[in-house]
Amino acid sequence: FAMIDDYLGLLAEKDATLPEGYHDIVAAAQPVKDALAARPGVLAPCHCDPLCENFLDDGDRMWIVDWEYSGMNDPLWDLGDLSVEAGMNDAQDREMLEAYFGGPPSAAQIGRVVIYKAMCDLLWTLWGLIQHADGNPAEDFWAYATGRFDRCKALMQSPDFAGHLAAVRAG
């Protein structure tokens, strides 16, 4: 959430346009922020930008590159972000979590990944808007940002999201 605030500050300095309803969704994310503050994850070194392109397989080894956003974080953030970036479905998420934990994940662990998926999209929406405001020609960053934002809204408004949030609150 600190990065969201930082990015919002940068965008305000650039007088950039936010997608309609962005601040409403940030406000709707307050219960997520509260739940995570009440039940913080154990911090560990994390990549914090697990795009599929940042995993390189040379046939013998897997290399993880592009560590510019790395830091101490909840590892489930990385798993949620990886799920979003790889376009994983619920079954793939469960398989990933079972591999990570060495067995079935708890409802709270699944819930953390789901809410992190939404928060990743909320954050990366702003990153895309910064790229757009800076005139980065690499791709259509407005479309990137609004696509991320739409996916965040859809997940937060899904019938299961409140249950995942409750599982995180319960620990």
C-alpha atoms as a PDB file:
ATOM      1  CA  PHE A   1       0.000   0.000   0.000  1.00  0.00           C
ATOM      2  CA  ALA A   2       2.975   2.304   0.531  1.00  0.00           C
ATOM      3  CA  MET A   3       3.910   1.847  -3.127  1.00  0.00           C
ATOM      4  CA  ILE A   4       0.338   2.641  -4.166  1.00  0.00           C
ATOM      5  CA  ASP A   5       0.556   5.881  -2.189  1.00  0.00           C
ATOM      6  CA  ASP A   6       3.983   6.653  -3.691  1.00  0.00           C
ATOM      7  CA  TYR A   7       2.770   6.002  -7.233  1.00  0.00           C
ATOM      8  CA  LEU A   8      -0.366   8.097  -6.662  1.00  0.00           C
ATOM      9  CA  GLY A   9       1.909  10.937  -5.540  1.00  0.00           C
ATOM     10  CA  LEU A  10       4.017  10.629  -8.690  1.00  0.00           C
ATOM     11  CA  LEU A  11       0.913  10.624 -10.862  1.00  0.00           C
ATOM     12  CA  ALA A  12      -0.454  13.707  -9.076  1.00  0.00           C
ATOM     13  CA  GLU A  13       2.811  15.524  -9.844  1.00  0.00           C
ATOM     14  CA  LYS A  14       2.404  14.559 -13.501  1.00  0.00           C
ATOM     15  CA  ASP A  15      -1.267  15.643 -13.490  1.00  0.00           C
ATOM     16  CA  ALA A  16      -2.072  12.214 -14.933  1.00  0.00           C
ATOM     17  CA  THR A  17      -5.567  10.864 -15.471  1.00  0.00           C
ATOM     18  CA  LEU A  18      -6.623   7.847 -13.424  1.00  0.00           C
ATOM     19  CA  PRO A  19      -9.183   5.319 -14.641  1.00  0.00           C
ATOM     20  CA  GLU A  20     -12.693   6.230 -13.579  1.00  0.00           C
ATOM     21  CA  GLY A  21     -13.405   4.881 -10.112  1.00  0.00           C
ATOM     22  CA  TYR A  22      -9.774   4.240  -9.164  1.00  0.00           C
ATOM     23  CA  HIS A  23     -10.019   6.081  -5.842  1.00  0.00           C
ATOM     24  CA  ASP A  24     -13.264   4.222  -5.085  1.00  0.00           C
ATOM     25  CA  ILE A  25     -11.474   0.900  -5.493  1.00  0.00           C
ATOM     26  CA  VAL A  26      -8.568   2.097  -3.342  1.00  0.00           C
ATOM     27  CA  ALA A  27     -11.130   2.983  -0.661  1.00  0.00           C
ATOM     28  CA  ALA A  28     -12.807  -0.412  -1.105  1.00  0.00           C
ATOM     29  CA  ALA A  29      -9.377  -2.006  -0.555  1.00  0.00           C
ATOM     30  CA  GLN A  30      -9.134  -0.537   2.959  1.00  0.00           C
ATOM     31  CA  PRO A  31     -10.516  -3.751   4.535  1.00  0.00           C
ATOM     32  CA  VAL A  32      -7.738  -5.648   2.735  1.00  0.00           C
ATOM     33  CA  LYS A  33      -5.153  -3.268   4.153  1.00  0.00           C
ATOM     34  CA  ASP A  34      -6.685  -3.639   7.617  1.00  0.00           C
ATOM     35  CA  ALA A  35      -6.756  -7.452   7.422  1.00  0.00           C
ATOM     36  CA  LEU A  36      -3.139  -7.611   6.296  1.00  0.00           C
ATOM     37  CA  ALA A  37      -2.104  -5.227   9.069  1.00  0.00           C
ATOM     38  CA  ALA A  38      -3.928  -7.355  11.646  1.00  0.00           C
ATOM     39  CA  ARG A  39      -2.455 -10.595  10.265  1.00  0.00           C
ATOM     40  CA  PRO A  40       0.875  -9.650   8.711  1.00  0.00           C
ATOM     41  CA  GLY A  41       2.742 -12.274   6.764  1.00  0.00           C
ATOM     42  CA  VAL A  42       6.241 -13.337   7.695  1.00  0.00           C
ATOM     43  CA  LEU A  43       8.625 -11.227   5.651  1.00  0.00           C
ATOM     44  CA  ALA A  44      11.220 -12.906   3.466  1.00  0.00           C
ATOM     45  CA  PRO A  45      13.387 -11.878   0.512  1.00  0.00           C
ATOM     46  CA  CYS A  46      11.040 -11.592  -2.477  1.00  0.00           C
ATOM     47  CA  HIS A  47      11.392 -10.749  -6.138  1.00  0.00           C
ATOM     48  CA  CYS A  48       8.222  -8.594  -6.227  1.00  0.00           C
ATOM     49  CA  ASP A  49       8.083  -8.594 -10.052  1.00  0.00           C
ATOM     50  CA  PRO A  50       7.627 -12.232 -11.106  1.00  0.00           C
ATOM     51  CA  LEU A  51       6.780 -11.660 -14.751  1.00  0.00           C
ATOM     52  CA  CYS A  52       7.171 -14.858 -16.729  1.00  0.00           C
ATOM     53  CA  GLU A  53       9.822 -13.027 -18.783  1.00  0.00           C
ATOM     54  CA  ASN A  54      11.921 -12.726 -15.620  1.00  0.00           C
ATOM     55  CA  PHE A  55      12.347 -16.513 -15.443  1.00  0.00           C
ATOM     56  CA  LEU A  56      14.964 -17.830 -17.853  1.00  0.00           C
ATOM     57  CA  ASP A  57      15.548 -21.543 -18.405  1.00  0.00           C
ATOM     58  CA  ASP A  58      18.825 -22.425 -20.131  1.00  0.00           C
ATOM     59  CA  GLY A  59      17.998 -26.121 -20.169  1.00  0.00           C
ATOM     60  CA  ASP A  60      20.129 -26.843 -17.122  1.00  0.00           C
ATOM     61  CA  ARG A  61      19.164 -24.106 -14.687  1.00  0.00           C
ATOM     62  CA  MET A  62      16.387 -21.679 -14.032  1.00  0.00           C
ATOM     63  CA  TRP A  63      17.517 -18.070 -13.691  1.00  0.00           C
ATOM     64  CA  ILE A  64      15.430 -15.324 -12.109  1.00  0.00           C
ATOM     65  CA  VAL A  65      16.407 -11.894 -13.428  1.00  0.00           C
ATOM     66  CA  ASP A  66      15.370  -8.237 -13.028  1.00  0.00           C
ATOM     67  CA  TRP A  67      15.558  -7.729  -9.280  1.00  0.00           C
ATOM     68  CA  GLU A  68      14.939  -3.953  -9.279  1.00  0.00           C
ATOM     69  CA  TYR A  69      11.710  -4.244  -7.239  1.00  0.00           C
ATOM     70  CA  SER A  70      12.985  -6.932  -4.855  1.00  0.00           C
ATOM     71  CA  GLY A  71      12.848  -6.561  -1.100  1.00  0.00           C
ATOM     72  CA  MET A  72      11.467  -8.021   2.081  1.00  0.00           C
ATOM     73  CA  ASN A  73       7.828  -8.948   1.566  1.00  0.00           C
ATOM     74  CA  ASP A  74       5.242 -11.629   2.202  1.00  0.00           C
ATOM     75  CA  PRO A  75       6.212 -14.488  -0.164  1.00  0.00           C
ATOM     76  CA  LEU A  76       2.532 -14.992  -0.930  1.00  0.00           C
ATOM     77  CA  TRP A  77       2.632 -11.599  -2.679  1.00  0.00           C
ATOM     78  CA  ASP A  78       5.102 -13.088  -5.156  1.00  0.00           C
ATOM     79  CA  LEU A  79       2.874 -16.135  -5.631  1.00  0.00           C
ATOM     80  CA  GLY A  80      -0.205 -13.964  -6.164  1.00  0.00           C
ATOM     81  CA  ASP A  81       1.669 -11.770  -8.614  1.00  0.00           C
ATOM     82  CA  LEU A  82       3.084 -14.820 -10.413  1.00  0.00           C
ATOM     83  CA  SER A  83      -0.449 -16.191 -10.717  1.00  0.00           C
ATOM     84  CA  VAL A  84      -1.672 -12.937 -12.255  1.00  0.00           C
ATOM     85  CA  GLU A  85       1.295 -12.605 -14.611  1.00  0.00           C
ATOM     86  CA  ALA A  86       1.051 -16.228 -15.778  1.00  0.00           C
ATOM     87  CA  GLY A  87      -2.740 -16.097 -16.149  1.00  0.00           C
ATOM     88  CA  MET A  88      -3.236 -19.017 -13.772  1.00  0.00           C
ATOM     89  CA  ASN A  89      -6.696 -20.339 -12.993  1.00  0.00           C
ATOM     90  CA  ASP A  90      -7.920 -21.539  -9.580  1.00  0.00           C
ATOM     91  CA  ALA A  91      -6.727 -25.125 -10.147  1.00  0.00           C
ATOM     92  CA  GLN A  92      -3.277 -23.904 -11.158  1.00  0.00           C
ATOM     93  CA  ASP A  93      -3.167 -21.606  -8.125  1.00  0.00           C
ATOM     94  CA  ARG A  94      -3.976 -24.545  -5.864  1.00  0.00           C
ATOM     95  CA  GLU A  95      -1.300 -26.701  -7.527  1.00  0.00           C
ATOM     96  CA  MET A  96       1.256 -23.897  -7.124  1.00  0.00           C
ATOM     97  CA  LEU A  97       0.347 -23.453  -3.452  1.00  0.00           C
ATOM     98  CA  GLU A  98       0.449 -27.191  -2.752  1.00  0.00           C
ATOM     99  CA  ALA A  99       3.929 -27.330  -4.285  1.00  0.00           C
ATOM    100  CA  TYR A 100       5.030 -24.278  -2.306  1.00  0.00           C
ATOM    101  CA  PHE A 101       3.705 -25.513   1.048  1.00  0.00           C
ATOM    102  CA  GLY A 102       4.341 -29.212   0.455  1.00  0.00           C
ATOM    103  CA  GLY A 103       0.681 -29.985   1.042  1.00  0.00           C
ATOM    104  CA  PRO A 104      -2.771 -28.461   0.914  1.00  0.00           C
ATOM    105  CA  PRO A 105      -2.794 -24.724   1.677  1.00  0.00           C
ATOM    106  CA  SER A 106      -5.007 -23.308   4.398  1.00  0.00           C
ATOM    107  CA  ALA A 107      -7.978 -21.089   3.622  1.00  0.00           C
ATOM    108  CA  ALA A 108      -5.969 -18.131   4.945  1.00  0.00           C
ATOM    109  CA  GLN A 109      -3.060 -18.912   2.613  1.00  0.00           C
ATOM    110  CA  ILE A 110      -5.364 -19.203  -0.386  1.00  0.00           C
ATOM    111  CA  GLY A 111      -7.104 -16.015   0.712  1.00  0.00           C
ATOM    112  CA  ARG A 112      -3.822 -14.101   0.913  1.00  0.00           C
ATOM    113  CA  VAL A 113      -2.902 -15.130  -2.613  1.00  0.00           C
ATOM    114  CA  VAL A 114      -6.319 -14.103  -3.943  1.00  0.00           C
ATOM    115  CA  ILE A 115      -6.314 -10.694  -2.279  1.00  0.00           C
ATOM    116  CA  TYR A 116      -2.702 -10.145  -3.346  1.00  0.00           C
ATOM    117  CA  LYS A 117      -3.748 -10.878  -6.927  1.00  0.00           C
ATOM    118  CA  ALA A 118      -6.185  -7.969  -6.720  1.00  0.00           C
ATOM    119  CA  MET A 119      -3.685  -5.698  -4.981  1.00  0.00           C
ATOM    120  CA  CYS A 120      -0.997  -6.532  -7.561  1.00  0.00           C
ATOM    121  CA  ASP A 121      -3.333  -5.373 -10.291  1.00  0.00           C
ATOM    122  CA  LEU A 122      -4.210  -2.262  -8.285  1.00  0.00           C
ATOM    123  CA  LEU A 123      -0.505  -1.443  -7.959  1.00  0.00           C
ATOM    124  CA  TRP A 124       0.529  -2.339 -11.517  1.00  0.00           C
ATOM    125  CA  THR A 125      -2.339  -0.176 -12.809  1.00  0.00           C
ATOM    126  CA  LEU A 126      -0.469   2.810 -11.405  1.00  0.00           C
ATOM    127  CA  TRP A 127       2.873   1.626 -12.772  1.00  0.00           C
ATOM    128  CA  GLY A 128       1.272   1.466 -16.224  1.00  0.00           C
ATOM    129  CA  LEU A 129      -0.168   4.951 -15.794  1.00  0.00           C
ATOM    130  CA  ILE A 130       3.286   6.283 -14.894  1.00  0.00           C
ATOM    131  CA  GLN A 131       4.687   4.709 -18.065  1.00  0.00           C
ATOM    132  CA  HIS A 132       1.815   6.252 -20.036  1.00  0.00           C
ATOM    133  CA  ALA A 133       2.331   9.697 -18.457  1.00  0.00           C
ATOM    134  CA  ASP A 134       6.052   9.498 -19.224  1.00  0.00           C
ATOM    135  CA  GLY A 135       5.308   8.715 -22.869  1.00  0.00           C
ATOM    136  CA  ASN A 136       6.977   5.292 -22.807  1.00  0.00           C
ATOM    137  CA  PRO A 137       6.561   4.061 -26.400  1.00  0.00           C
ATOM    138  CA  ALA A 138       7.109   0.355 -25.612  1.00  0.00           C
ATOM    139  CA  GLU A 139       3.393  -0.456 -25.630  1.00  0.00           C
ATOM    140  CA  ASP A 140      -0.042   1.041 -25.067  1.00  0.00           C
ATOM    141  CA  PHE A 141       0.322   1.614 -21.339  1.00  0.00           C
ATOM    142  CA  TRP A 142      -3.134   3.171 -21.004  1.00  0.00           C
ATOM    143  CA  ALA A 143      -4.654  -0.094 -22.235  1.00  0.00           C
ATOM    144  CA  TYR A 144      -2.296  -2.037 -19.971  1.00  0.00           C
ATOM    145  CA  ALA A 145      -3.305   0.063 -16.946  1.00  0.00           C
ATOM    146  CA  THR A 146      -7.044  -0.037 -17.584  1.00  0.00           C
ATOM    147  CA  GLY A 147      -6.891  -3.789 -18.249  1.00  0.00           C
ATOM    148  CA  ARG A 148      -5.175  -4.301 -14.899  1.00  0.00           C
ATOM    149  CA  PHE A 149      -7.676  -2.039 -13.184  1.00  0.00           C
ATOM    150  CA  ASP A 150     -10.657  -3.835 -14.711  1.00  0.00           C
ATOM    151  CA  ARG A 151      -9.274  -7.198 -13.595  1.00  0.00           C
ATOM    152  CA  CYS A 152      -8.721  -5.851 -10.060  1.00  0.00           C
ATOM    153  CA  LYS A 153     -12.296  -4.553  -9.870  1.00  0.00           C
ATOM    154  CA  ALA A 154     -13.711  -7.828 -11.181  1.00  0.00           C
ATOM    155  CA  LEU A 155     -11.810  -9.861  -8.593  1.00  0.00           C
ATOM    156  CA  MET A 156     -12.686  -7.532  -5.712  1.00  0.00           C
ATOM    157  CA  GLN A 157     -16.357  -7.579  -6.738  1.00  0.00           C
ATOM    158  CA  SER A 158     -16.475 -11.359  -7.223  1.00  0.00           C
ATOM    159  CA  PRO A 159     -18.706 -13.338  -4.861  1.00  0.00           C
ATOM    160  CA  ASP A 160     -15.735 -15.237  -3.354  1.00  0.00           C
ATOM    161  CA  PHE A 161     -13.544 -12.236  -2.533  1.00  0.00           C
ATOM    162  CA  ALA A 162     -15.230 -11.458   0.795  1.00  0.00           C
ATOM    163  CA  GLY A 163     -14.753 -15.068   1.875  1.00  0.00           C
ATOM    164  CA  HIS A 164     -11.053 -14.938   1.047  1.00  0.00           C
ATOM    165  CA  LEU A 165     -10.738 -11.696   2.985  1.00  0.00           C
ATOM    166  CA  ALA A 166     -12.546 -13.266   5.959  1.00  0.00           C
ATOM    167  CA  ALA A 167     -10.151 -16.239   5.846  1.00  0.00           C
ATOM    168  CA  VAL A 168      -7.184 -13.871   6.018  1.00  0.00           C
ATOM    169  CA  ARG A 169      -8.764 -12.027   8.943  1.00  0.00           C
ATOM    170  CA  ALA A 170      -9.334 -15.324  10.760  1.00  0.00           C
ATOM    171  CA  GLY A 171      -5.740 -16.383  10.143  1.00  0.00           C
END
